[in-house]
C-alpha atoms as a PDB file:
ATOM      1  CA  UNK A   1     -13.034  -4.140   0.819  1.00  0.00           C
ATOM      2  CA  UNK A   2      -9.514  -5.496   0.512  1.00  0.00           C
ATOM      3  CA  UNK A   3      -7.757  -8.363   2.267  1.00  0.00           C
ATOM      4  CA  UNK A   4      -4.187  -8.648   3.549  1.00  0.00           C
ATOM      5  CA  UNK A   5      -1.985 -10.650   1.182  1.00  0.00           C
ATOM      6  CA  UNK A   6      -0.116 -12.086   4.174  1.00  0.00           C
ATOM      7  CA  UNK A   7      -2.643 -12.903   6.918  1.00  0.00           C
ATOM      8  CA  UNK A   8      -5.964 -12.620   5.052  1.00  0.00           C
ATOM      9  CA  UNK A   9      -7.623 -10.148   7.436  1.00  0.00           C
ATOM     10  CA  UNK A  10     -10.037  -7.634   5.935  1.00  0.00           C
ATOM     11  CA  UNK A  11      -8.656  -4.134   5.370  1.00  0.00           C
ATOM     12  CA  UNK A  12     -10.120  -0.820   4.304  1.00  0.00           C
ATOM     13  CA  UNK A  13      -9.488   0.017   0.647  1.00  0.00           C
ATOM     14  CA  UNK A  14      -6.300   1.993   0.119  1.00  0.00           C
ATOM     15  CA  UNK A  15      -4.501   0.818   3.263  1.00  0.00           C
ATOM     16  CA  UNK A  16      -0.783   0.372   2.601  1.00  0.00           C
ATOM     17  CA  UNK A  17      -0.050  -1.691   5.716  1.00  0.00           C
ATOM     18  CA  UNK A  18      -2.070  -4.392   7.449  1.00  0.00           C
ATOM     19  CA  UNK A  19      -3.337  -3.259  10.855  1.00  0.00           C
ATOM     20  CA  UNK A  20      -3.158  -6.851  12.137  1.00  0.00           C
ATOM     21  CA  UNK A  21       0.224  -8.220  10.984  1.00  0.00           C
ATOM     22  CA  UNK A  22       1.923  -4.994   9.843  1.00  0.00           C
ATOM     23  CA  UNK A  23       2.940  -6.269   6.409  1.00  0.00           C
ATOM     24  CA  UNK A  24       3.000  -3.841   3.498  1.00  0.00           C
ATOM     25  CA  UNK A  25       0.257  -4.350   0.946  1.00  0.00           C
ATOM     26  CA  UNK A  26       0.853  -4.224  -2.816  1.00  0.00           C
ATOM     27  CA  UNK A  27       0.073  -0.943  -4.549  1.00  0.00           C
ATOM     28  CA  UNK A  28      -2.550  -0.484  -7.241  1.00  0.00           C
ATOM     29  CA  UNK A  29       0.031  -0.943 -10.010  1.00  0.00           C
ATOM     30  CA  UNK A  30       0.901  -4.451  -8.814  1.00  0.00           C
ATOM     31  CA  UNK A  31      -2.748  -5.383  -8.359  1.00  0.00           C
ATOM     32  CA  UNK A  32      -3.597  -4.236 -11.894  1.00  0.00           C
ATOM     33  CA  UNK A  33      -0.791  -6.377 -13.360  1.00  0.00           C
ATOM     34  CA  UNK A  34      -2.036  -9.486 -11.551  1.00  0.00           C
END
């Protein structure tokens, strides 16, 4: 399970936008670099 980088709500894996705050989530490439 993933979490929104903006509001911290739990998200389903692979979601590109938060269903709570609407912010775009980083892609897998960015996550791998972190």
